[in-house]
C-alpha cells in the first residue's frame, strides 16, 4: 500500500510541473473576444467540426453559432458576419481535473460567398 501512495505522489508532482499548452501553436493568432470584428473575410475551413476563417494575413477567426449555414462554403473565400463571443472547449483528459480553454470567436449570423476558391494564405 505504501508503494501505491508513493507512486501517486510522484505522478501528481510531475503532473503539476508540466507546462500548459494552449491552442494550436503556429496556426492560431489569439485575439481578445472584444476586438473581434463583426465581419471577417477569408478562406472558410473546417477541421474536426471546428469552423474558422483564415484571413489573407494568416489570422485565424474561430466561428460558432449558426455554423450549419457554412457547410457549403468550405474551401471558399467568404465574408462572415456575426457577433464577437467566446467559445469554450473542454480540454479535460481522462482521469484528470476538469479544464476548459476559452477562445475568442465570432457567433455566425450570415455568410456571403466572395469566391469559389481561396487565395493562398501565409
PDB file of N, CA and C in Angstrom:
ATOM      1  N   UNK A   1       0.802  -1.200   0.000  1.00  0.00           N
ATOM      2  CA  UNK A   1       0.000   0.000   0.000  1.00  0.00           C
ATOM      3  C   UNK A   1       0.851   1.273   0.000  1.00  0.00           C
ATOM      4  N   UNK A   2       1.990   1.302   0.784  1.00  0.00           N
ATOM      5  CA  UNK A   2       2.827   2.496   0.753  1.00  0.00           C
ATOM      6  C   UNK A   2       3.402   2.774  -0.630  1.00  0.00           C
ATOM      7  N   UNK A   3       3.650   1.740  -1.424  1.00  0.00           N
ATOM      8  CA  UNK A   3       4.173   1.918  -2.772  1.00  0.00           C
ATOM      9  C   UNK A   3       3.160   2.648  -3.645  1.00  0.00           C
ATOM     10  N   UNK A   4       1.884   2.332  -3.504  1.00  0.00           N
ATOM     11  CA  UNK A   4       0.828   2.988  -4.277  1.00  0.00           C
ATOM     12  C   UNK A   4       0.777   4.476  -3.947  1.00  0.00           C
ATOM     13  N   UNK A   5       0.864   4.799  -2.667  1.00  0.00           N
ATOM     14  CA  UNK A   5       0.833   6.206  -2.268  1.00  0.00           C
ATOM     15  C   UNK A   5       2.071   6.949  -2.767  1.00  0.00           C
ATOM     16  N   UNK A   6       3.197   6.314  -2.730  1.00  0.00           N
ATOM     17  CA  UNK A   6       4.430   6.941  -3.208  1.00  0.00           C
ATOM     18  C   UNK A   6       4.363   7.207  -4.705  1.00  0.00           C
ATOM     19  N   UNK A   7       3.874   6.236  -5.442  1.00  0.00           N
ATOM     20  CA  UNK A   7       3.730   6.390  -6.890  1.00  0.00           C
ATOM     21  C   UNK A   7       2.737   7.501  -7.213  1.00  0.00           C
ATOM     22  N   UNK A   8       1.638   7.549  -6.497  1.00  0.00           N
ATOM     23  CA  UNK A   8       0.626   8.595  -6.707  1.00  0.00           C
ATOM     24  C   UNK A   8       1.227   9.970  -6.445  1.00  0.00           C
ATOM     25  N   UNK A   9       1.989  10.107  -5.367  1.00  0.00           N
ATOM     26  CA  UNK A   9       2.609  11.373  -5.030  1.00  0.00           C
ATOM     27  C   UNK A   9       3.618  11.805  -6.097  1.00  0.00           C
ATOM     28  N   UNK A  10       4.412  10.879  -6.599  1.00  0.00           N
ATOM     29  CA  UNK A  10       5.386  11.187  -7.650  1.00  0.00           C
ATOM     30  C   UNK A  10       4.676  11.630  -8.932  1.00  0.00           C
ATOM     31  N   UNK A  11       3.633  10.909  -9.334  1.00  0.00           N
ATOM     32  CA  UNK A  11       2.893  11.262 -10.552  1.00  0.00           C
ATOM     33  C   UNK A  11       2.214  12.614 -10.416  1.00  0.00           C
ATOM     34  N   UNK A  12       1.639  12.892  -9.270  1.00  0.00           N
ATOM     35  CA  UNK A  12       0.983  14.178  -9.045  1.00  0.00           C
ATOM     36  C   UNK A  12       2.003  15.314  -9.106  1.00  0.00           C
ATOM     37  N   UNK A  13       3.165  15.117  -8.510  1.00  0.00           N
ATOM     38  CA  UNK A  13       4.224  16.127  -8.541  1.00  0.00           C
ATOM     39  C   UNK A  13       4.683  16.391  -9.977  1.00  0.00           C
ATOM     40  N   UNK A  14       4.845  15.342 -10.745  1.00  0.00           N
ATOM     41  CA  UNK A  14       5.248  15.505 -12.149  1.00  0.00           C
ATOM     42  C   UNK A  14       4.179  16.215 -12.961  1.00  0.00           C
ATOM     43  N   UNK A  15       2.922  15.869 -12.746  1.00  0.00           N
ATOM     44  CA  UNK A  15       1.817  16.480 -13.495  1.00  0.00           C
ATOM     45  C   UNK A  15       1.718  17.971 -13.200  1.00  0.00           C
ATOM     46  N   UNK A  16       1.956  18.363 -11.978  1.00  0.00           N
ATOM     47  CA  UNK A  16       1.874  19.784 -11.630  1.00  0.00           C
ATOM     48  C   UNK A  16       2.994  20.593 -12.266  1.00  0.00           C
ATOM     49  N   UNK A  17       4.101  19.959 -12.580  1.00  0.00           N
ATOM     50  CA  UNK A  17       5.228  20.661 -13.171  1.00  0.00           C
ATOM     51  C   UNK A  17       5.174  20.799 -14.680  1.00  0.00           C
ATOM     52  N   UNK A  18       4.219  20.153 -15.335  1.00  0.00           N
ATOM     53  CA  UNK A  18       4.127  20.219 -16.792  1.00  0.00           C
ATOM     54  C   UNK A  18       3.527  21.545 -17.224  1.00  0.00           C
ATOM     55  N   UNK A  19       4.088  22.176 -18.260  1.00  0.00           N
ATOM     56  CA  UNK A  19       3.517  23.431 -18.743  1.00  0.00           C
ATOM     57  C   UNK A  19       2.214  23.178 -19.491  1.00  0.00           C
ATOM     58  N   UNK A  20       1.287  24.130 -19.374  1.00  0.00           N
ATOM     59  CA  UNK A  20       0.016  24.023 -20.091  1.00  0.00           C
ATOM     60  C   UNK A  20       0.237  24.368 -21.553  1.00  0.00           C
ATOM     61  N   UNK A  21      -0.478  23.700 -22.450  1.00  0.00           N
ATOM     62  CA  UNK A  21      -0.417  24.011 -23.867  1.00  0.00           C
ATOM     63  C   UNK A  21      -1.746  24.584 -24.283  1.00  0.00           C
ATOM     64  N   UNK A  22      -1.705  25.673 -25.021  1.00  0.00           N
ATOM     65  CA  UNK A  22      -2.925  26.319 -25.454  1.00  0.00           C
ATOM     66  C   UNK A  22      -2.980  26.392 -26.961  1.00  0.00           C
ATOM     67  N   UNK A  23      -4.199  26.185 -27.499  1.00  0.00           N
ATOM     68  CA  UNK A  23      -4.444  26.381 -28.916  1.00  0.00           C
ATOM     69  C   UNK A  23      -3.621  25.490 -29.813  1.00  0.00           C
ATOM     70  N   UNK A  24      -3.340  25.991 -30.977  1.00  0.00           N
ATOM     71  CA  UNK A  24      -2.608  25.282 -31.994  1.00  0.00           C
ATOM     72  C   UNK A  24      -1.403  26.144 -32.364  1.00  0.00           C
ATOM     73  N   UNK A  25      -0.269  26.000 -31.643  1.00  0.00           N
ATOM     74  CA  UNK A  25       0.878  26.881 -31.870  1.00  0.00           C
ATOM     75  C   UNK A  25       1.267  26.959 -33.344  1.00  0.00           C
ATOM     76  N   UNK A  26       1.539  28.169 -33.787  1.00  0.00           N
ATOM     77  CA  UNK A  26       1.951  28.370 -35.163  1.00  0.00           C
ATOM     78  C   UNK A  26       0.784  28.515 -36.122  1.00  0.00           C
ATOM     79  N   UNK A  27      -0.428  28.333 -35.650  1.00  0.00           N
ATOM     80  CA  UNK A  27      -1.574  28.445 -36.540  1.00  0.00           C
ATOM     81  C   UNK A  27      -2.531  29.534 -36.070  1.00  0.00           C
ATOM     82  N   UNK A  28      -2.976  29.437 -34.828  1.00  0.00           N
ATOM     83  CA  UNK A  28      -3.945  30.392 -34.307  1.00  0.00           C
ATOM     84  C   UNK A  28      -3.264  31.676 -33.857  1.00  0.00           C
ATOM     85  N   UNK A  29      -3.897  32.783 -34.129  1.00  0.00           N
ATOM     86  CA  UNK A  29      -3.474  34.070 -33.603  1.00  0.00           C
ATOM     87  C   UNK A  29      -4.548  34.450 -32.607  1.00  0.00           C
ATOM     88  N   UNK A  30      -4.168  34.610 -31.352  1.00  0.00           N
ATOM     89  CA  UNK A  30      -5.150  34.860 -30.306  1.00  0.00           C
ATOM     90  C   UNK A  30      -5.522  36.331 -30.289  1.00  0.00           C
ATOM     91  N   UNK A  31      -6.792  36.598 -30.446  1.00  0.00           N
ATOM     92  CA  UNK A  31      -7.318  37.945 -30.479  1.00  0.00           C
ATOM     93  C   UNK A  31      -8.373  38.035 -29.391  1.00  0.00           C
ATOM     94  N   UNK A  32      -8.306  39.027 -28.506  1.00  0.00           N
ATOM     95  CA  UNK A  32      -9.332  39.145 -27.471  1.00  0.00           C
ATOM     96  C   UNK A  32     -10.725  39.223 -28.089  1.00  0.00           C
ATOM     97  N   UNK A  33     -11.707  38.576 -27.433  1.00  0.00           N
ATOM     98  CA  UNK A  33     -13.063  38.497 -27.979  1.00  0.00           C
ATOM     99  C   UNK A  33     -13.651  39.876 -28.237  1.00  0.00           C
ATOM    100  N   UNK A  34     -13.358  40.856 -27.390  1.00  0.00           N
ATOM    101  CA  UNK A  34     -13.954  42.179 -27.572  1.00  0.00           C
ATOM    102  C   UNK A  34     -13.367  42.952 -28.741  1.00  0.00           C
ATOM    103  N   UNK A  35     -12.282  42.451 -29.360  1.00  0.00           N
ATOM    104  CA  UNK A  35     -11.712  43.131 -30.517  1.00  0.00           C
ATOM    105  C   UNK A  35     -12.041  42.410 -31.824  1.00  0.00           C
ATOM    106  N   UNK A  36     -12.726  41.287 -31.732  1.00  0.00           N
ATOM    107  CA  UNK A  36     -13.118  40.588 -32.959  1.00  0.00           C
ATOM    108  C   UNK A  36     -14.015  41.509 -33.777  1.00  0.00           C
ATOM    109  N   UNK A  37     -13.736  41.647 -35.056  1.00  0.00           N
ATOM    110  CA  UNK A  37     -14.623  42.478 -35.884  1.00  0.00           C
ATOM    111  C   UNK A  37     -15.953  41.766 -36.122  1.00  0.00           C
ATOM    112  N   UNK A  38     -17.024  42.522 -36.341  1.00  0.00           N
ATOM    113  CA  UNK A  38     -18.323  41.890 -36.596  1.00  0.00           C
ATOM    114  C   UNK A  38     -18.390  41.223 -37.963  1.00  0.00           C
ATOM    115  N   UNK A  39     -17.421  41.518 -38.836  1.00  0.00           N
ATOM    116  CA  UNK A  39     -17.350  40.891 -40.159  1.00  0.00           C
ATOM    117  C   UNK A  39     -15.906  40.495 -40.432  1.00  0.00           C
ATOM    118  N   UNK A  40     -15.714  39.243 -40.880  1.00  0.00           N
ATOM    119  CA  UNK A  40     -14.372  38.778 -41.240  1.00  0.00           C
ATOM    120  C   UNK A  40     -14.415  38.203 -42.647  1.00  0.00           C
ATOM    121  N   UNK A  41     -13.304  38.347 -43.363  1.00  0.00           N
ATOM    122  CA  UNK A  41     -13.189  37.809 -44.717  1.00  0.00           C
ATOM    123  C   UNK A  41     -11.997  36.883 -44.790  1.00  0.00           C
ATOM    124  N   UNK A  42     -12.143  35.824 -45.566  1.00  0.00           N
ATOM    125  CA  UNK A  42     -11.039  34.911 -45.767  1.00  0.00           C
ATOM    126  C   UNK A  42     -11.510  33.557 -46.233  1.00  0.00           C
ATOM    127  N   UNK A  43     -10.635  32.579 -46.099  1.00  0.00           N
ATOM    128  CA  UNK A  43     -10.908  31.224 -46.545  1.00  0.00           C
ATOM    129  C   UNK A  43     -11.598  30.442 -45.424  1.00  0.00           C
ATOM    130  N   UNK A  44     -12.762  29.880 -45.715  1.00  0.00           N
ATOM    131  CA  UNK A  44     -13.502  29.110 -44.727  1.00  0.00           C
ATOM    132  C   UNK A  44     -12.923  27.707 -44.627  1.00  0.00           C
ATOM    133  N   UNK A  45     -12.591  27.300 -43.403  1.00  0.00           N
ATOM    134  CA  UNK A  45     -12.043  25.971 -43.167  1.00  0.00           C
ATOM    135  C   UNK A  45     -12.851  25.253 -42.102  1.00  0.00           C
ATOM    136  N   UNK A  46     -12.789  23.922 -42.144  1.00  0.00           N
ATOM    137  CA  UNK A  46     -13.455  23.090 -41.150  1.00  0.00           C
ATOM    138  C   UNK A  46     -12.501  21.980 -40.775  1.00  0.00           C
ATOM    139  N   UNK A  47     -12.177  21.917 -39.502  1.00  0.00           N
ATOM    140  CA  UNK A  47     -11.308  20.860 -39.000  1.00  0.00           C
ATOM    141  C   UNK A  47     -11.974  20.248 -37.778  1.00  0.00           C
ATOM    142  N   UNK A  48     -12.372  19.012 -37.890  1.00  0.00           N
ATOM    143  CA  UNK A  48     -12.973  18.289 -36.775  1.00  0.00           C
ATOM    144  C   UNK A  48     -14.168  19.049 -36.196  1.00  0.00           C
ATOM    145  N   UNK A  49     -15.070  19.475 -37.059  1.00  0.00           N
ATOM    146  CA  UNK A  49     -16.285  20.202 -36.690  1.00  0.00           C
ATOM    147  C   UNK A  49     -15.989  21.554 -36.043  1.00  0.00           C
ATOM    148  N   UNK A  50     -14.833  22.104 -36.305  1.00  0.00           N
ATOM    149  CA  UNK A  50     -14.447  23.427 -35.800  1.00  0.00           C
ATOM    150  C   UNK A  50     -14.251  24.331 -37.011  1.00  0.00           C
ATOM    151  N   UNK A  51     -15.196  25.233 -37.217  1.00  0.00           N
ATOM    152  CA  UNK A  51     -15.133  26.139 -38.362  1.00  0.00           C
ATOM    153  C   UNK A  51     -14.274  27.353 -38.031  1.00  0.00           C
ATOM    154  N   UNK A  52     -13.545  27.835 -39.054  1.00  0.00           N
ATOM    155  CA  UNK A  52     -12.761  29.052 -38.900  1.00  0.00           C
ATOM    156  C   UNK A  52     -12.594  29.720 -40.257  1.00  0.00           C
ATOM    157  N   UNK A  53     -12.320  31.017 -40.195  1.00  0.00           N
ATOM    158  CA  UNK A  53     -11.989  31.781 -41.388  1.00  0.00           C
ATOM    159  C   UNK A  53     -10.533  32.192 -41.240  1.00  0.00           C
ATOM    160  N   UNK A  54      -9.740  31.923 -42.276  1.00  0.00           N
ATOM    161  CA  UNK A  54      -8.333  32.322 -42.270  1.00  0.00           C
ATOM    162  C   UNK A  54      -8.207  33.526 -43.200  1.00  0.00           C
ATOM    163  N   UNK A  55      -7.837  34.659 -42.610  1.00  0.00           N
ATOM    164  CA  UNK A  55      -7.678  35.889 -43.380  1.00  0.00           C
ATOM    165  C   UNK A  55      -6.456  35.846 -44.268  1.00  0.00           C
ATOM    166  N   UNK A  56      -6.344  36.790 -45.181  1.00  0.00           N
ATOM    167  CA  UNK A  56      -5.205  36.855 -46.109  1.00  0.00           C
ATOM    168  C   UNK A  56      -3.872  36.990 -45.379  1.00  0.00           C
ATOM    169  N   UNK A  57      -3.901  37.566 -44.166  1.00  0.00           N
ATOM    170  CA  UNK A  57      -2.670  37.721 -43.398  1.00  0.00           C
ATOM    171  C   UNK A  57      -2.369  36.513 -42.517  1.00  0.00           C
ATOM    172  N   UNK A  58      -3.200  35.459 -42.603  1.00  0.00           N
ATOM    173  CA  UNK A  58      -2.982  34.246 -41.824  1.00  0.00           C
ATOM    174  C   UNK A  58      -3.700  34.216 -40.492  1.00  0.00           C
ATOM    175  N   UNK A  59      -4.386  35.298 -40.125  1.00  0.00           N
ATOM    176  CA  UNK A  59      -5.130  35.340 -38.871  1.00  0.00           C
ATOM    177  C   UNK A  59      -6.278  34.351 -38.925  1.00  0.00           C
ATOM    178  N   UNK A  60      -6.433  33.555 -37.860  1.00  0.00           N
ATOM    179  CA  UNK A  60      -7.493  32.556 -37.786  1.00  0.00           C
ATOM    180  C   UNK A  60      -8.617  33.088 -36.911  1.00  0.00           C
ATOM    181  N   UNK A  61      -9.824  33.151 -37.468  1.00  0.00           N
ATOM    182  CA  UNK A  61     -11.006  33.588 -36.735  1.00  0.00           C
ATOM    183  C   UNK A  61     -11.882  32.368 -36.476  1.00  0.00           C
ATOM    184  N   UNK A  62     -12.062  32.018 -35.210  1.00  0.00           N
ATOM    185  CA  UNK A  62     -12.908  30.886 -34.838  1.00  0.00           C
ATOM    186  C   UNK A  62     -14.369  31.277 -34.986  1.00  0.00           C
ATOM    187  N   UNK A  63     -15.189  30.334 -35.448  1.00  0.00           N
ATOM    188  CA  UNK A  63     -16.609  30.596 -35.671  1.00  0.00           C
ATOM    189  C   UNK A  63     -17.452  29.680 -34.793  1.00  0.00           C
ATOM    190  N   UNK A  64     -18.581  30.191 -34.335  1.00  0.00           N
ATOM    191  CA  UNK A  64     -19.511  29.424 -33.525  1.00  0.00           C
ATOM    192  C   UNK A  64     -20.930  29.864 -33.877  1.00  0.00           C
ATOM    193  N   UNK A  65     -21.916  29.264 -33.260  1.00  0.00           N
ATOM    194  CA  UNK A  65     -23.306  29.656 -33.507  1.00  0.00           C
ATOM    195  C   UNK A  65     -23.891  28.915 -34.692  1.00  0.00           C
ATOM    196  N   UNK A  66     -24.452  29.651 -35.640  1.00  0.00           N
ATOM    197  CA  UNK A  66     -25.160  29.071 -36.788  1.00  0.00           C
ATOM    198  C   UNK A  66     -24.178  28.561 -37.847  1.00  0.00           C
ATOM    199  N   UNK A  67     -23.280  27.659 -37.450  1.00  0.00           N
ATOM    200  CA  UNK A  67     -22.272  27.164 -38.389  1.00  0.00           C
ATOM    201  C   UNK A  67     -22.860  26.219 -39.429  1.00  0.00           C
ATOM    202  N   UNK A  68     -24.095  25.754 -39.228  1.00  0.00           N
ATOM    203  CA  UNK A  68     -24.726  24.875 -40.221  1.00  0.00           C
ATOM    204  C   UNK A  68     -24.887  25.570 -41.571  1.00  0.00           C
ATOM    205  N   UNK A  69     -24.918  26.888 -41.603  1.00  0.00           N
ATOM    206  CA  UNK A  69     -25.046  27.608 -42.880  1.00  0.00           C
ATOM    207  C   UNK A  69     -23.708  27.693 -43.619  1.00  0.00           C
ATOM    208  N   UNK A  70     -22.619  27.245 -42.975  1.00  0.00           N
ATOM    209  CA  UNK A  70     -21.297  27.352 -43.577  1.00  0.00           C
ATOM    210  C   UNK A  70     -20.887  26.130 -44.388  1.00  0.00           C
ATOM    211  N   UNK A  71     -21.535  25.014 -44.162  1.00  0.00           N
ATOM    212  CA  UNK A  71     -21.139  23.720 -44.740  1.00  0.00           C
ATOM    213  C   UNK A  71     -20.843  23.786 -46.236  1.00  0.00           C
ATOM    214  N   UNK A  72     -21.650  24.478 -47.001  1.00  0.00           N
ATOM    215  CA  UNK A  72     -21.489  24.519 -48.466  1.00  0.00           C
ATOM    216  C   UNK A  72     -20.382  25.456 -48.941  1.00  0.00           C
ATOM    217  N   UNK A  73     -19.752  26.176 -48.003  1.00  0.00           N
ATOM    218  CA  UNK A  73     -18.740  27.165 -48.379  1.00  0.00           C
ATOM    219  C   UNK A  73     -17.334  26.787 -47.947  1.00  0.00           C
ATOM    220  N   UNK A  74     -17.124  25.565 -47.455  1.00  0.00           N
ATOM    221  CA  UNK A  74     -15.792  25.137 -47.021  1.00  0.00           C
ATOM    222  C   UNK A  74     -14.844  25.181 -48.222  1.00  0.00           C
ATOM    223  N   UNK A  75     -13.691  25.835 -48.035  1.00  0.00           N
ATOM    224  CA  UNK A  75     -12.717  25.984 -49.113  1.00  0.00           C
ATOM    225  C   UNK A  75     -12.993  27.171 -50.021  1.00  0.00           C
ATOM    226  N   UNK A  76     -14.013  27.956 -49.694  1.00  0.00           N
ATOM    227  CA  UNK A  76     -14.363  29.136 -50.487  1.00  0.00           C
ATOM    228  C   UNK A  76     -13.917  30.395 -49.745  1.00  0.00           C
ATOM    229  N   UNK A  77     -13.718  31.466 -50.499  1.00  0.00           N
ATOM    230  CA  UNK A  77     -13.450  32.785 -49.933  1.00  0.00           C
ATOM    231  C   UNK A  77     -14.810  33.362 -49.527  1.00  0.00           C
ATOM    232  N   UNK A  78     -14.957  33.744 -48.238  1.00  0.00           N
ATOM    233  CA  UNK A  78     -16.250  34.187 -47.726  1.00  0.00           C
ATOM    234  C   UNK A  78     -16.119  35.453 -46.890  1.00  0.00           C
ATOM    235  N   UNK A  79     -17.268  36.070 -46.659  1.00  0.00           N
ATOM    236  CA  UNK A  79     -17.393  37.162 -45.703  1.00  0.00           C
ATOM    237  C   UNK A  79     -18.424  36.695 -44.690  1.00  0.00           C
ATOM    238  N   UNK A  80     -18.019  36.584 -43.423  1.00  0.00           N
ATOM    239  CA  UNK A  80     -18.899  36.100 -42.371  1.00  0.00           C
ATOM    240  C   UNK A  80     -19.201  37.259 -41.430  1.00  0.00           C
ATOM    241  N   UNK A  81     -20.487  37.445 -41.140  1.00  0.00           N
ATOM    242  CA  UNK A  81     -20.927  38.488 -40.235  1.00  0.00           C
ATOM    243  C   UNK A  81     -21.491  37.843 -38.981  1.00  0.00           C
ATOM    244  N   UNK A  82     -21.213  38.457 -37.846  1.00  0.00           N
ATOM    245  CA  UNK A  82     -21.721  37.924 -36.592  1.00  0.00           C
ATOM    246  C   UNK A  82     -21.428  38.833 -35.429  1.00  0.00           C
ATOM    247  N   UNK A  83     -21.407  38.223 -34.242  1.00  0.00           N
ATOM    248  CA  UNK A  83     -21.199  38.968 -33.008  1.00  0.00           C
ATOM    249  C   UNK A  83     -20.006  38.362 -32.264  1.00  0.00           C
ATOM    250  N   UNK A  84     -19.048  39.196 -31.810  1.00  0.00           N
ATOM    251  CA  UNK A  84     -17.913  38.675 -31.046  1.00  0.00           C
ATOM    252  C   UNK A  84     -18.390  37.931 -29.794  1.00  0.00           C
ATOM    253  N   UNK A  85     -17.774  36.803 -29.505  1.00  0.00           N
ATOM    254  CA  UNK A  85     -18.145  35.982 -28.359  1.00  0.00           C
ATOM    255  C   UNK A  85     -16.930  35.174 -27.915  1.00  0.00           C
ATOM    256  N   UNK A  86     -17.152  34.253 -27.007  1.00  0.00           N
ATOM    257  CA  UNK A  86     -16.098  33.348 -26.538  1.00  0.00           C
ATOM    258  C   UNK A  86     -16.599  31.932 -26.704  1.00  0.00           C
ATOM    259  N   UNK A  87     -15.739  31.053 -27.219  1.00  0.00           N
ATOM    260  CA  UNK A  87     -16.063  29.646 -27.408  1.00  0.00           C
ATOM    261  C   UNK A  87     -15.309  28.845 -26.353  1.00  0.00           C
ATOM    262  N   UNK A  88     -16.018  28.001 -25.610  1.00  0.00           N
ATOM    263  CA  UNK A  88     -15.388  27.186 -24.576  1.00  0.00           C
ATOM    264  C   UNK A  88     -15.186  25.774 -25.084  1.00  0.00           C
ATOM    265  N   UNK A  89     -13.966  25.271 -24.940  1.00  0.00           N
ATOM    266  CA  UNK A  89     -13.627  23.915 -25.356  1.00  0.00           C
ATOM    267  C   UNK A  89     -13.118  23.138 -24.149  1.00  0.00           C
ATOM    268  N   UNK A  90     -13.656  21.951 -23.930  1.00  0.00           N
ATOM    269  CA  UNK A  90     -13.166  21.108 -22.851  1.00  0.00           C
ATOM    270  C   UNK A  90     -11.806  20.553 -23.234  1.00  0.00           C
ATOM    271  N   UNK A  91     -10.846  20.713 -22.344  1.00  0.00           N
ATOM    272  CA  UNK A  91      -9.508  20.163 -22.569  1.00  0.00           C
ATOM    273  C   UNK A  91      -9.193  19.107 -21.514  1.00  0.00           C
ATOM    274  N   UNK A  92     -10.254  18.576 -20.895  1.00  0.00           N
ATOM    275  CA  UNK A  92     -10.095  17.594 -19.839  1.00  0.00           C
ATOM    276  C   UNK A  92      -9.600  16.273 -20.400  1.00  0.00           C
ATOM    277  N   UNK A  93      -8.586  15.738 -19.765  1.00  0.00           N
ATOM    278  CA  UNK A  93      -8.066  14.434 -20.134  1.00  0.00           C
ATOM    279  C   UNK A  93      -8.667  13.399 -19.190  1.00  0.00           C
ATOM    280  N   UNK A  94      -8.732  12.164 -19.658  1.00  0.00           N
ATOM    281  CA  UNK A  94      -9.296  11.086 -18.854  1.00  0.00           C
ATOM    282  C   UNK A  94      -8.570  10.980 -17.517  1.00  0.00           C
ATOM    283  N   UNK A  95      -9.345  10.875 -16.457  1.00  0.00           N
ATOM    284  CA  UNK A  95      -8.831  10.734 -15.087  1.00  0.00           C
ATOM    285  C   UNK A  95      -7.979  11.921 -14.652  1.00  0.00           C
ATOM    286  N   UNK A  96      -8.342  13.107 -15.101  1.00  0.00           N
ATOM    287  CA  UNK A  96      -7.625  14.321 -14.708  1.00  0.00           C
ATOM    288  C   UNK A  96      -8.641  15.381 -14.305  1.00  0.00           C
ATOM    289  N   UNK A  97      -8.144  16.435 -13.724  1.00  0.00           N
ATOM    290  CA  UNK A  97      -9.012  17.533 -13.319  1.00  0.00           C
ATOM    291  C   UNK A  97      -9.686  18.140 -14.547  1.00  0.00           C
ATOM    292  N   UNK A  98     -10.893  18.626 -14.361  1.00  0.00           N
ATOM    293  CA  UNK A  98     -11.650  19.231 -15.446  1.00  0.00           C
ATOM    294  C   UNK A  98     -11.031  20.569 -15.830  1.00  0.00           C
ATOM    295  N   UNK A  99     -10.808  20.774 -17.131  1.00  0.00           N
ATOM    296  CA  UNK A  99     -10.249  22.031 -17.623  1.00  0.00           C
ATOM    297  C   UNK A  99     -11.005  22.492 -18.858  1.00  0.00           C
ATOM    298  N   UNK A 100     -11.042  23.804 -19.055  1.00  0.00           N
ATOM    299  CA  UNK A 100     -11.722  24.394 -20.202  1.00  0.00           C
ATOM    300  C   UNK A 100     -10.821  25.476 -20.783  1.00  0.00           C
ATOM    301  N   UNK A 101     -10.751  25.512 -22.100  1.00  0.00           N
ATOM    302  CA  UNK A 101     -10.000  26.553 -22.793  1.00  0.00           C
ATOM    303  C   UNK A 101     -11.016  27.477 -23.442  1.00  0.00           C
ATOM    304  N   UNK A 102     -10.867  28.782 -23.228  1.00  0.00           N
ATOM    305  CA  UNK A 102     -11.773  29.747 -23.832  1.00  0.00           C
ATOM    306  C   UNK A 102     -11.079  30.436 -24.994  1.00  0.00           C
ATOM    307  N   UNK A 103     -11.742  30.418 -26.142  1.00  0.00           N
ATOM    308  CA  UNK A 103     -11.185  31.013 -27.361  1.00  0.00           C
ATOM    309  C   UNK A 103     -12.096  32.131 -27.838  1.00  0.00           C
ATOM    310  N   UNK A 104     -11.524  33.241 -28.298  1.00  0.00           N
ATOM    311  CA  UNK A 104     -12.365  34.263 -28.909  1.00  0.00           C
ATOM    312  C   UNK A 104     -12.987  33.689 -30.179  1.00  0.00           C
ATOM    313  N   UNK A 105     -14.207  34.098 -30.463  1.00  0.00           N
ATOM    314  CA  UNK A 105     -14.903  33.563 -31.638  1.00  0.00           C
ATOM    315  C   UNK A 105     -15.888  34.587 -32.172  1.00  0.00           C
ATOM    316  N   UNK A 106     -16.422  34.277 -33.335  1.00  0.00           N
ATOM    317  CA  UNK A 106     -17.459  35.093 -33.946  1.00  0.00           C
ATOM    318  C   UNK A 106     -18.715  34.241 -34.033  1.00  0.00           C
ATOM    319  N   UNK A 107     -19.797  34.692 -33.384  1.00  0.00           N
ATOM    320  CA  UNK A 107     -21.075  33.990 -33.403  1.00  0.00           C
ATOM    321  C   UNK A 107     -21.739  34.295 -34.748  1.00  0.00           C
ATOM    322  N   UNK A 108     -21.754  33.319 -35.650  1.00  0.00           N
ATOM    323  CA  UNK A 108     -22.166  33.500 -37.044  1.00  0.00           C
ATOM    324  C   UNK A 108     -23.643  33.865 -37.173  1.00  0.00           C
ATOM    325  N   UNK A 109     -23.896  34.918 -37.948  1.00  0.00           N
ATOM    326  CA  UNK A 109     -25.266  35.325 -38.278  1.00  0.00           C
ATOM    327  C   UNK A 109     -25.541  35.165 -39.771  1.00  0.00           C
ATOM    328  N   UNK A 110     -24.533  35.463 -40.613  1.00  0.00           N
ATOM    329  CA  UNK A 110     -24.721  35.313 -42.061  1.00  0.00           C
ATOM    330  C   UNK A 110     -23.377  35.075 -42.738  1.00  0.00           C
ATOM    331  N   UNK A 111     -23.459  34.531 -43.951  1.00  0.00           N
ATOM    332  CA  UNK A 111     -22.254  34.273 -44.738  1.00  0.00           C
ATOM    333  C   UNK A 111     -22.524  34.700 -46.178  1.00  0.00           C
ATOM    334  N   UNK A 112     -21.507  35.275 -46.807  1.00  0.00           N
ATOM    335  CA  UNK A 112     -21.606  35.708 -48.202  1.00  0.00           C
ATOM    336  C   UNK A 112     -20.394  35.141 -48.930  1.00  0.00           C
ATOM    337  N   UNK A 113     -20.631  34.423 -50.012  1.00  0.00           N
ATOM    338  CA  UNK A 113     -19.537  33.861 -50.802  1.00  0.00           C
ATOM    339  C   UNK A 113     -18.908  34.961 -51.656  1.00  0.00           C
ATOM    340  N   UNK A 114     -17.575  35.087 -51.572  1.00  0.00           N
ATOM    341  CA  UNK A 114     -16.842  36.060 -52.380  1.00  0.00           C
ATOM    342  C   UNK A 114     -16.187  35.404 -53.577  1.00  0.00           C
ATOM    343  N   UNK A 115     -15.790  34.124 -53.410  1.00  0.00           N
ATOM    344  CA  UNK A 115     -15.154  33.374 -54.491  1.00  0.00           C
ATOM    345  C   UNK A 115     -15.290  31.881 -54.181  1.00  0.00           C
ATOM    346  N   UNK A 116     -15.358  31.059 -55.228  1.00  0.00           N
ATOM    347  CA  UNK A 116     -15.469  29.613 -55.038  1.00  0.00           C
ATOM    348  C   UNK A 116     -14.134  28.965 -54.672  1.00  0.00           C
ATOM    349  N   UNK A 117     -13.056  29.751 -54.732  1.00  0.00           N
ATOM    350  CA  UNK A 117     -11.734  29.240 -54.339  1.00  0.00           C
ATOM    351  C   UNK A 117     -11.108  30.226 -53.369  1.00  0.00           C
ATOM    352  N   UNK A 118     -10.104  29.738 -52.653  1.00  0.00           N
ATOM    353  CA  UNK A 118      -9.393  30.577 -51.688  1.00  0.00           C
ATOM    354  C   UNK A 118      -8.078  31.042 -52.271  1.00  0.00           C
ATOM    355  N   UNK A 119      -7.678  32.251 -51.890  1.00  0.00           N
ATOM    356  CA  UNK A 119      -6.349  32.712 -52.233  1.00  0.00           C
ATOM    357  C   UNK A 119      -5.384  32.069 -51.261  1.00  0.00           C
ATOM    358  N   UNK A 120      -4.135  31.963 -51.619  1.00  0.00           N
ATOM    359  CA  UNK A 120      -3.130  31.335 -50.755  1.00  0.00           C
ATOM    360  C   UNK A 120      -2.979  32.135 -49.481  1.00  0.00           C
ATOM    361  N   UNK A 121      -2.966  31.418 -48.329  1.00  0.00           N
ATOM    362  CA  UNK A 121      -2.766  32.078 -47.043  1.00  0.00           C
ATOM    363  C   UNK A 121      -1.341  31.845 -46.594  1.00  0.00           C
ATOM    364  N   UNK A 122      -0.863  32.741 -45.755  1.00  0.00           N
ATOM    365  CA  UNK A 122       0.515  32.655 -45.249  1.00  0.00           C
ATOM    366  C   UNK A 122       0.581  31.715 -44.086  1.00  0.00           C
TER     367      UNK A 122
END
